[in-house]
N, C-alpha and C. Protein backbone atom coordinates (compact mmCIF):
# COMPACT_ATOMS: atom_id res chain seq x y z
N MET A 1 0.81 -1.05 -0.11
CA MET A 1 -0.07 -0.51 -0.10
C MET A 1 1.00 1.19 -0.29
N PHE A 2 2.20 1.34 0.80
CA PHE A 2 2.60 2.29 0.89
C PHE A 2 3.74 2.66 -0.37
N ASN A 3 4.28 1.58 -1.37
CA ASN A 3 4.62 1.58 -2.32
C ASN A 3 3.81 2.40 -3.55
N MET A 4 2.58 1.65 -3.47
CA MET A 4 1.32 2.42 -4.49
C MET A 4 1.19 3.88 -4.20
N ASN A 5 1.14 4.48 -3.24
CA ASN A 5 1.13 5.96 -3.10
C ASN A 5 2.47 6.65 -3.24
N LYS A 6 3.34 6.07 -3.03
CA LYS A 6 4.58 6.59 -3.34
C LYS A 6 4.77 6.61 -5.19
N ILE A 7 4.43 5.62 -5.60
CA ILE A 7 4.49 5.76 -7.06
C ILE A 7 3.65 6.65 -7.79
N LEU A 8 2.66 6.78 -7.01
CA LEU A 8 1.22 7.38 -7.35
C LEU A 8 1.64 9.15 -7.02
N LEU A 9 2.11 9.64 -6.43
CA LEU A 9 2.77 10.52 -5.76
C LEU A 9 4.02 10.91 -6.88
N LEU A 10 4.84 10.12 -7.23
CA LEU A 10 5.86 10.55 -8.02
C LEU A 10 5.38 10.66 -9.37
N ALA A 11 4.53 9.87 -9.80
CA ALA A 11 4.00 10.15 -11.06
C ALA A 11 2.98 11.58 -11.26
N ALA A 12 2.40 12.00 -10.16
CA ALA A 12 1.62 13.26 -10.28
C ALA A 12 2.84 14.46 -10.18
N LEU A 13 3.91 14.23 -9.44
CA LEU A 13 4.91 15.17 -9.43
C LEU A 13 5.34 15.20 -10.94
N THR A 14 5.80 14.31 -11.58
CA THR A 14 6.33 13.91 -12.62
C THR A 14 5.50 14.89 -13.85
N MET A 15 4.09 14.39 -14.08
CA MET A 15 3.31 14.94 -14.72
C MET A 15 3.15 16.39 -14.33
N PHE A 16 3.09 16.92 -13.13
CA PHE A 16 3.23 18.44 -12.99
C PHE A 16 4.26 19.39 -13.40
N MET A 17 5.73 18.41 -13.18
CA MET A 17 6.82 19.60 -13.75
C MET A 17 6.63 19.15 -15.18
N THR A 18 6.79 17.88 -16.00
CA THR A 18 6.80 18.26 -17.53
C THR A 18 5.60 19.14 -18.12
N SER A 19 4.54 19.33 -17.23
CA SER A 19 3.10 20.14 -17.93
C SER A 19 4.22 21.44 -17.67
N GLY A 20 4.73 21.93 -16.48
CA GLY A 20 5.06 23.40 -16.37
C GLY A 20 6.21 23.61 -16.83
N CYS A 21 7.28 22.50 -17.45
CA CYS A 21 8.02 23.20 -18.10
C CYS A 21 8.37 22.74 -19.50
N SER A 22 7.09 22.46 -20.02
CA SER A 22 7.22 22.47 -21.29
C SER A 22 7.51 23.56 -22.48
N LYS A 23 6.85 25.04 -22.02
CA LYS A 23 7.28 26.20 -22.67
C LYS A 23 8.46 26.52 -22.18
N THR A 24 9.21 26.17 -21.09
CA THR A 24 10.36 26.50 -20.97
C THR A 24 11.38 25.90 -21.95
N TRP A 25 11.14 24.43 -22.05
CA TRP A 25 12.10 23.72 -22.67
C TRP A 25 11.98 24.11 -24.42
N SER A 26 10.91 24.62 -24.83
CA SER A 26 10.73 25.23 -26.06
C SER A 26 11.37 26.11 -26.42
N GLY A 27 11.82 27.32 -25.13
CA GLY A 27 12.16 28.26 -25.27
C GLY A 27 14.16 27.99 -25.36
N VAL A 28 14.24 26.96 -24.69
CA VAL A 28 15.76 26.60 -24.54
C VAL A 28 15.89 26.35 -25.97
N LYS A 29 15.00 25.30 -26.80
CA LYS A 29 15.30 24.78 -28.03
C LYS A 29 15.65 25.85 -29.33
N HIS A 30 14.92 26.93 -28.70
CA HIS A 30 14.85 28.17 -29.48
C HIS A 30 16.10 28.96 -29.45
N ASP A 31 16.45 29.29 -28.17
CA ASP A 31 17.42 29.59 -27.83
C ASP A 31 18.90 29.35 -28.65
N SER A 32 19.13 27.95 -28.29
CA SER A 32 20.09 26.99 -28.68
C SER A 32 20.18 26.95 -30.09
N LYS A 33 19.17 27.14 -30.90
CA LYS A 33 18.98 27.00 -32.46
C LYS A 33 19.38 28.56 -32.61
N LYS A 34 19.18 29.43 -31.69
CA LYS A 34 19.51 30.66 -32.65
C LYS A 34 21.06 30.98 -32.09
N ALA A 35 21.49 30.38 -30.98
CA ALA A 35 22.65 30.32 -30.86
C ALA A 35 23.47 29.81 -31.85
N TRP A 36 23.12 28.61 -32.12
CA TRP A 36 24.23 27.74 -33.31
C TRP A 36 24.02 28.52 -34.42
N ASN A 37 23.06 28.98 -34.87
CA ASN A 37 23.07 30.08 -36.28
C ASN A 37 23.82 30.97 -36.01
N SER A 38 23.74 31.48 -35.09
CA SER A 38 25.09 32.76 -35.28
C SER A 38 26.56 32.16 -35.36
N SER A 39 26.85 31.21 -34.32
CA SER A 39 28.00 30.54 -34.52
C SER A 39 28.43 29.95 -35.60
N LYS A 40 27.67 29.32 -36.60
CA LYS A 40 28.02 28.91 -37.96
C LYS A 40 28.16 30.09 -38.60
N LYS A 41 27.29 31.34 -38.64
CA LYS A 41 27.51 32.31 -39.76
C LYS A 41 28.96 32.87 -39.10
N ALA A 42 28.88 32.96 -37.95
CA ALA A 42 30.49 33.64 -37.42
C ALA A 42 31.76 32.90 -38.16
N VAL A 43 31.55 31.33 -38.04
CA VAL A 43 32.57 30.36 -38.77
C VAL A 43 32.80 30.75 -40.16
N HIS A 44 31.52 30.84 -40.60
CA HIS A 44 31.39 31.13 -42.31
C HIS A 44 32.03 32.47 -42.71
N ASN A 45 31.85 33.30 -41.94
CA ASN A 45 32.27 34.96 -42.01
C ASN A 45 33.66 34.96 -41.73
N ALA A 46 34.29 34.05 -40.75
CA ALA A 46 35.49 33.95 -40.28
C ALA A 46 36.94 33.34 -41.44
N THR A 47 36.21 32.34 -42.36
CA THR A 47 36.89 31.47 -43.06
C THR A 47 36.52 32.08 -44.53
N ASP A 48 35.65 33.00 -44.83
CA ASP A 48 35.67 33.56 -46.02
C ASP A 48 37.04 34.53 -46.37
């Protein structure tokens, strides 16, 4: 019985964290892509 409550609590916390962080994760992916593209441009310009 105690293990079942622990599993349910863990599942509820996981669902809460993933739903709350989904927009944050999208922001991280967007920023990473923007930084990658800037780095690519800088390397391309430096090698020209």
